[in-house]
Amino acid sequence: MSTKICIVGCGAIGSLFAAHLAKLADVEVHAYDVSKEHTKAINERGLRISGAADFTARLHATTDAREIPPCEFGIVATKSTHTRGAMQQTAHLFGENSAVCSVQNGVGNEEIIAEQVKYVIRGTTFPAGHVIEPGHVGFDINGDTWIGPYEPTKTPYARVEKLAELLNRAGMKVVPLQDARGAQWTKLIFNAATNPVGALTLLHHGAATRFAPTGALFNALIAEGEAVAKALGITLHGDPRALVQKGASAPGKHKASMLQDILAKRQTEVDFMNGAIANWGEKAGVPTPLNRAVWQLIKGLEHSWTDPA
């Protein structure tokens, strides 16, 4: 019997997970997304991936969650700002033994998912991509994914291991962990440094890293995030500075997701990045003036689109 998996949010990252899983003969993939153009193209022509991998996968995509059968696993890949709405539409797909994994940016998504489902998996993923056109996603940067139980839901570790096994067979690089907080906070700190600086300066990742003033700001933002993680008793899963350098050496001119949002005048995920670090810092008694200032600047920029006066 096939394992049914629902990808909630089939944008760039969701499409990478969906397409890889759809290659497995023992997995049935269903994708839920709000884009009628994207889902229609996937159903008619398949989901094409190009770049770091090049293939086309067949799967069922829909804008109506009522068309999707009950699923054993869910993978949530929406923007953090859309988590609550997406889960309200899809929560009925996940039963008592189902587990839903977030592979989203920032922290705070698991709490929202746990409002709707019993078992939640904390996930952190480093592959990057962009939608080229409906039904076609560019695979910009390959990378690892770490997943582990979201502690408050007491998710059985066997559920984490099974999802990791499926994803690894599908060609994704996934590491199951008993405690995935360190991996999540490592990426959070990396994102909270690089995303808002790129968004505010309009510099792609490599250019912002190599330019001394913005490179120094990266390091200062990272230091604040590290201090908060330490105060919370979280051991980081690597060095965020190494991730900055790895991203800067990748081919092409990769624009951070927040820069892409700013250019499109969309709400950003800054509340789940710098806002989260500032809030956790306040709870832990750790000053985070730079993260709070960057959060305030991005929020001000968002506000300018609706109330420029």
Protein backbone atom coordinates (compact mmCIF):
# COMPACT_ATOMS: atom_id res chain seq x y z
CA MET A 1 0.00 0.00 0.00
CA SER A 2 1.31 3.43 -0.92
CA THR A 3 2.15 6.01 1.71
CA LYS A 4 0.06 9.11 1.07
CA ILE A 5 1.84 12.43 1.60
CA CYS A 6 0.36 15.91 1.24
CA ILE A 7 2.63 18.83 0.40
CA VAL A 8 0.98 21.92 1.85
CA GLY A 9 2.23 24.83 -0.24
CA CYS A 10 3.76 23.81 -3.55
CA GLY A 11 5.93 26.84 -4.21
CA ALA A 12 9.65 26.46 -4.87
CA ILE A 13 10.60 24.44 -1.78
CA GLY A 14 7.35 22.48 -1.62
CA SER A 15 7.76 21.56 -5.28
CA LEU A 16 11.26 20.19 -4.65
CA PHE A 17 9.93 17.88 -1.94
CA ALA A 18 6.84 16.92 -3.95
CA ALA A 19 8.72 16.12 -7.15
CA HIS A 20 11.36 14.01 -5.43
CA LEU A 21 8.82 12.02 -3.41
CA ALA A 22 6.70 11.46 -6.51
CA LYS A 23 9.56 9.43 -8.00
CA LEU A 24 8.96 6.68 -5.43
CA ALA A 25 6.67 3.84 -6.51
CA ASP A 26 5.40 3.32 -2.96
CA VAL A 27 4.46 6.96 -2.31
CA GLU A 28 1.35 8.79 -3.49
CA VAL A 29 1.91 12.56 -3.51
CA HIS A 30 -0.81 15.19 -3.33
CA ALA A 31 0.03 18.90 -3.49
CA TYR A 32 -2.17 21.68 -2.12
CA ASP A 33 -1.50 25.20 -3.36
CA VAL A 34 -3.52 28.38 -3.88
CA SER A 35 -2.15 28.95 -7.40
CA LYS A 36 -4.62 27.63 -9.98
CA GLU A 37 -2.09 28.19 -12.77
CA HIS A 38 0.61 26.18 -10.99
CA THR A 39 -1.64 23.27 -10.02
CA LYS A 40 -3.18 23.12 -13.50
CA ALA A 41 0.24 22.99 -15.15
CA ILE A 42 1.40 20.23 -12.76
CA ASN A 43 -1.66 18.11 -13.52
CA GLU A 44 -1.39 18.63 -17.28
CA ARG A 45 2.37 18.43 -17.87
CA GLY A 46 3.89 17.18 -14.64
CA LEU A 47 6.13 19.08 -12.22
CA ARG A 48 9.43 19.94 -13.87
CA ILE A 49 12.60 20.50 -11.83
CA SER A 50 15.72 21.95 -13.48
CA GLY A 51 19.11 23.09 -12.23
CA ALA A 52 20.77 21.05 -9.48
CA ALA A 53 18.56 18.18 -10.71
CA ASP A 54 16.66 17.84 -13.97
CA PHE A 55 13.52 15.68 -14.18
CA THR A 56 9.73 15.82 -14.44
CA ALA A 57 7.48 14.12 -11.89
CA ARG A 58 3.81 13.19 -12.03
CA LEU A 59 1.59 13.93 -9.04
CA HIS A 60 -1.86 15.24 -8.14
CA ALA A 61 -2.08 19.00 -7.43
CA THR A 62 -5.14 20.97 -6.39
CA THR A 63 -6.39 24.24 -4.93
CA ASP A 64 -9.22 22.36 -3.20
CA ALA A 65 -8.09 20.29 -0.21
CA ARG A 66 -11.36 18.36 -0.32
CA GLU A 67 -9.95 16.51 -3.36
CA ILE A 68 -7.11 15.03 -1.29
CA PRO A 69 -7.51 11.71 0.58
CA PRO A 70 -6.41 11.24 4.21
CA CYS A 71 -2.61 11.32 4.41
CA GLU A 72 -0.06 9.66 6.66
CA PHE A 73 2.34 12.60 6.41
CA GLY A 74 2.15 16.27 5.63
CA ILE A 75 5.00 18.58 4.67
CA VAL A 76 4.22 22.26 5.15
CA ALA A 77 6.26 24.52 2.88
CA THR A 78 4.18 27.70 2.75
CA LYS A 79 5.49 31.11 3.72
CA SER A 80 5.31 31.37 7.50
CA THR A 81 2.74 34.14 7.14
CA HIS A 82 0.35 31.64 5.48
CA THR A 83 0.76 28.72 7.90
CA ARG A 84 -2.42 29.23 9.88
CA GLY A 85 -4.65 29.64 6.83
CA ALA A 86 -3.11 26.67 5.03
CA MET A 87 -3.54 24.41 8.05
CA GLN A 88 -7.15 25.45 8.50
CA GLN A 89 -7.76 24.23 4.94
CA THR A 90 -5.85 20.93 5.24
CA ALA A 91 -5.98 19.81 8.89
CA HIS A 92 -8.83 17.38 8.15
CA LEU A 93 -6.42 15.32 6.00
CA PHE A 94 -4.34 14.26 9.00
CA GLY A 95 -5.69 11.66 11.43
CA GLU A 96 -4.66 10.43 14.87
CA ASN A 97 -1.49 8.71 13.62
CA SER A 98 -0.49 11.25 10.97
CA ALA A 99 2.53 13.52 11.40
CA VAL A 100 2.96 16.94 9.81
CA CYS A 101 6.46 18.34 9.21
CA SER A 102 7.30 22.02 8.78
CA VAL A 103 10.23 22.80 6.46
CA GLN A 104 9.59 26.53 6.67
CA ASN A 105 11.80 29.48 7.52
CA GLY A 106 12.08 30.89 11.03
CA VAL A 107 10.58 29.64 14.27
CA GLY A 108 6.97 29.57 15.39
CA ASN A 109 5.37 27.50 12.63
CA GLU A 110 5.27 24.29 14.66
CA GLU A 111 3.19 25.98 17.33
CA ILE A 112 0.61 27.00 14.71
CA ILE A 113 0.52 23.54 13.09
CA ALA A 114 0.11 21.91 16.52
CA GLU A 115 -3.13 23.86 17.00
CA GLN A 116 -4.64 21.71 14.24
CA VAL A 117 -2.92 18.28 14.28
CA LYS A 118 -1.74 15.78 16.91
CA TYR A 119 1.83 15.04 15.83
CA VAL A 120 4.24 17.69 14.51
CA ILE A 121 7.79 17.32 13.18
CA ARG A 122 10.29 20.18 13.41
CA GLY A 123 12.16 20.57 10.13
CA THR A 124 14.94 22.71 8.73
CA THR A 125 15.88 22.61 5.06
CA PHE A 126 18.64 24.25 3.04
CA PRO A 127 17.78 23.53 -0.61
CA ALA A 128 16.83 26.73 -2.46
CA GLY A 129 14.84 27.30 -5.61
CA HIS A 130 12.51 29.61 -7.49
CA VAL A 131 9.42 29.22 -9.63
CA ILE A 132 10.38 29.75 -13.27
CA GLU A 133 6.83 29.41 -14.56
CA PRO A 134 3.73 27.45 -13.54
CA GLY A 135 4.71 23.79 -13.30
CA HIS A 136 8.45 24.50 -13.55
CA VAL A 137 10.78 25.15 -10.59
CA GLY A 138 14.48 26.00 -10.72
CA PHE A 139 16.59 24.01 -8.22
CA ASP A 140 19.17 26.67 -7.28
CA ILE A 141 21.07 25.19 -4.34
CA ASN A 142 21.15 21.60 -3.09
CA GLY A 143 21.44 21.09 0.64
CA ASP A 144 20.62 19.01 3.68
CA THR A 145 17.39 18.81 5.68
CA TRP A 146 17.16 17.98 9.39
CA ILE A 147 13.96 16.77 11.04
CA GLY A 148 13.02 15.82 14.59
CA PRO A 149 10.03 15.61 16.93
CA TYR A 150 8.36 18.86 17.94
CA GLU A 151 8.73 18.35 21.66
CA PRO A 152 5.31 19.52 22.99
CA THR A 153 3.43 17.07 20.71
CA LYS A 154 5.53 14.07 21.81
CA THR A 155 5.76 12.89 18.22
CA PRO A 156 7.02 9.28 18.11
CA TYR A 157 10.58 9.21 16.78
CA ALA A 158 9.59 6.29 14.53
CA ARG A 159 7.43 8.73 12.53
CA VAL A 160 10.45 11.00 12.05
CA GLU A 161 12.60 8.07 10.93
CA LYS A 162 10.03 6.84 8.42
CA LEU A 163 9.68 10.27 6.79
CA ALA A 164 13.47 10.63 6.65
CA GLU A 165 13.79 7.19 5.05
CA LEU A 166 11.27 8.05 2.33
CA LEU A 167 12.90 11.40 1.58
CA ASN A 168 16.39 9.93 1.44
CA ARG A 169 15.24 7.22 -0.99
CA ALA A 170 13.67 9.99 -3.06
CA GLY A 171 17.02 11.74 -3.42
CA MET A 172 16.78 14.41 -0.73
CA LYS A 173 19.50 14.55 1.93
CA VAL A 174 17.63 14.20 5.22
CA VAL A 175 19.05 13.64 8.71
CA PRO A 176 16.67 12.55 11.52
CA LEU A 177 17.52 13.99 14.94
CA GLN A 178 16.16 13.42 18.42
CA ASP A 179 16.50 17.17 19.04
CA ALA A 180 16.22 19.32 15.91
CA ARG A 181 16.22 22.70 17.67
CA GLY A 182 19.93 23.26 17.07
CA ALA A 183 19.58 22.79 13.31
CA GLN A 184 16.52 25.04 13.21
CA TRP A 185 18.17 27.84 15.17
CA THR A 186 21.33 27.62 13.06
CA LYS A 187 19.30 28.33 9.94
CA LEU A 188 17.16 30.90 11.77
CA ILE A 189 20.26 32.88 12.75
CA PHE A 190 21.66 32.59 9.21
CA ASN A 191 18.36 33.74 7.68
CA ALA A 192 17.86 36.55 10.18
CA ALA A 193 21.26 37.95 9.18
CA THR A 194 21.17 37.55 5.41
CA ASN A 195 17.49 37.98 4.50
CA PRO A 196 16.69 41.43 5.89
CA VAL A 197 20.05 42.92 4.90
CA GLY A 198 19.52 41.73 1.33
CA ALA A 199 15.95 43.03 1.39
CA LEU A 200 16.94 46.47 2.68
CA THR A 201 19.96 46.94 0.41
CA LEU A 202 18.64 45.09 -2.69
CA LEU A 203 21.94 43.16 -2.79
CA HIS A 204 21.99 39.49 -3.76
CA HIS A 205 23.56 37.15 -1.22
CA GLY A 206 27.08 37.01 -2.65
CA ALA A 207 27.33 40.77 -3.13
CA ALA A 208 26.12 41.50 0.41
CA THR A 209 28.60 39.01 1.86
CA ARG A 210 31.58 40.43 -0.03
CA PHE A 211 30.76 44.12 0.66
CA ALA A 212 32.53 44.95 3.94
CA PRO A 213 29.79 47.06 5.64
CA THR A 214 26.99 44.55 5.01
CA GLY A 215 29.29 41.59 5.69
CA ALA A 216 30.07 43.12 9.11
CA LEU A 217 26.34 43.57 9.77
CA PHE A 218 25.80 39.88 8.97
CA ASN A 219 28.33 38.96 11.66
CA ALA A 220 26.84 41.33 14.25
CA LEU A 221 23.31 39.99 13.71
CA ILE A 222 24.62 36.43 13.94
CA ALA A 223 26.36 37.17 17.25
CA GLU A 224 23.07 38.38 18.77
CA GLY A 225 21.25 35.26 17.59
CA GLU A 226 23.98 33.00 18.98
CA ALA A 227 23.71 34.71 22.38
CA VAL A 228 19.95 34.11 22.48
CA ALA A 229 20.32 30.43 21.49
CA LYS A 230 22.95 29.94 24.21
CA ALA A 231 20.68 31.52 26.82
CA LEU A 232 17.89 29.14 25.76
CA GLY A 233 20.17 26.11 26.15
CA ILE A 234 20.19 25.33 22.42
CA THR A 235 23.41 23.95 20.93
CA LEU A 236 23.73 25.10 17.33
CA HIS A 237 24.15 22.52 14.58
CA GLY A 238 27.08 24.21 12.86
CA ASP A 239 28.30 27.78 12.35
CA PRO A 240 25.90 30.27 10.71
CA ARG A 241 28.94 32.16 9.36
CA ALA A 242 29.99 29.10 7.39
CA LEU A 243 26.51 29.00 5.87
CA VAL A 244 26.89 32.63 4.82
CA GLN A 245 30.14 31.82 3.03
CA LYS A 246 28.70 28.66 1.45
CA GLY A 247 25.77 30.64 0.08
CA ALA A 248 28.07 33.36 -1.23
CA SER A 249 30.18 30.84 -3.15
CA ALA A 250 27.18 29.19 -4.82
CA PRO A 251 26.86 29.80 -8.58
CA GLY A 252 24.54 32.54 -9.78
CA LYS A 253 23.17 35.60 -8.02
CA HIS A 254 20.75 34.12 -5.50
CA LYS A 255 18.29 36.65 -4.09
CA ALA A 256 17.17 35.93 -0.54
CA SER A 257 13.47 35.09 -0.20
CA MET A 258 12.85 38.30 1.73
CA LEU A 259 14.37 40.36 -1.08
CA GLN A 260 12.09 38.55 -3.52
CA ASP A 261 9.12 39.43 -1.28
CA ILE A 262 10.17 43.08 -1.02
CA LEU A 263 10.56 43.41 -4.79
CA ALA A 264 7.07 41.92 -5.24
CA LYS A 265 5.66 44.06 -2.37
CA ARG A 266 4.56 40.97 -0.45
CA GLN A 267 4.46 40.56 3.31
CA THR A 268 7.76 39.09 4.50
CA GLU A 269 8.60 36.43 7.10
CA VAL A 270 10.53 38.90 9.28
CA ASP A 271 8.21 38.27 12.28
CA PHE A 272 9.35 34.62 12.28
CA MET A 273 13.03 35.58 11.88
CA ASN A 274 14.37 38.79 13.45
CA GLY A 275 11.12 39.37 15.32
CA ALA A 276 11.37 35.90 16.85
CA ILE A 277 15.01 36.38 17.88
CA ALA A 278 14.18 39.74 19.46
CA ASN A 279 11.19 38.28 21.33
CA TRP A 280 13.08 35.23 22.59
CA GLY A 281 15.98 37.51 23.54
CA GLU A 282 13.65 39.64 25.63
CA LYS A 283 12.30 36.53 27.40
CA ALA A 284 15.85 35.28 28.05
CA GLY A 285 17.22 38.67 29.13
CA VAL A 286 19.57 38.95 26.13
CA PRO A 287 19.80 42.34 24.34
CA THR A 288 19.11 42.15 20.57
CA PRO A 289 19.11 45.79 19.41
CA LEU A 290 20.22 45.02 15.84
CA ASN A 291 17.67 42.27 15.24
CA ARG A 292 14.92 44.47 16.67
CA ALA A 293 16.01 47.46 14.54
CA VAL A 294 16.08 45.34 11.38
CA TRP A 295 12.63 43.95 12.23
CA GLN A 296 11.33 47.51 12.70
CA LEU A 297 12.80 48.66 9.38
CA ILE A 298 11.29 45.76 7.41
CA LYS A 299 7.90 46.28 9.09
CA GLY A 300 8.10 49.96 8.19
CA LEU A 301 8.86 49.07 4.57
CA GLU A 302 5.86 46.73 4.48
CA HIS A 303 3.68 49.48 5.94
CA SER A 304 4.80 51.94 3.25
CA TRP A 305 2.97 49.91 0.59
CA THR A 306 -0.40 50.43 2.24
CA ASP A 307 0.05 53.76 4.03
CA PRO A 308 2.88 55.70 2.31
CA ALA A 309 1.62 59.01 3.78
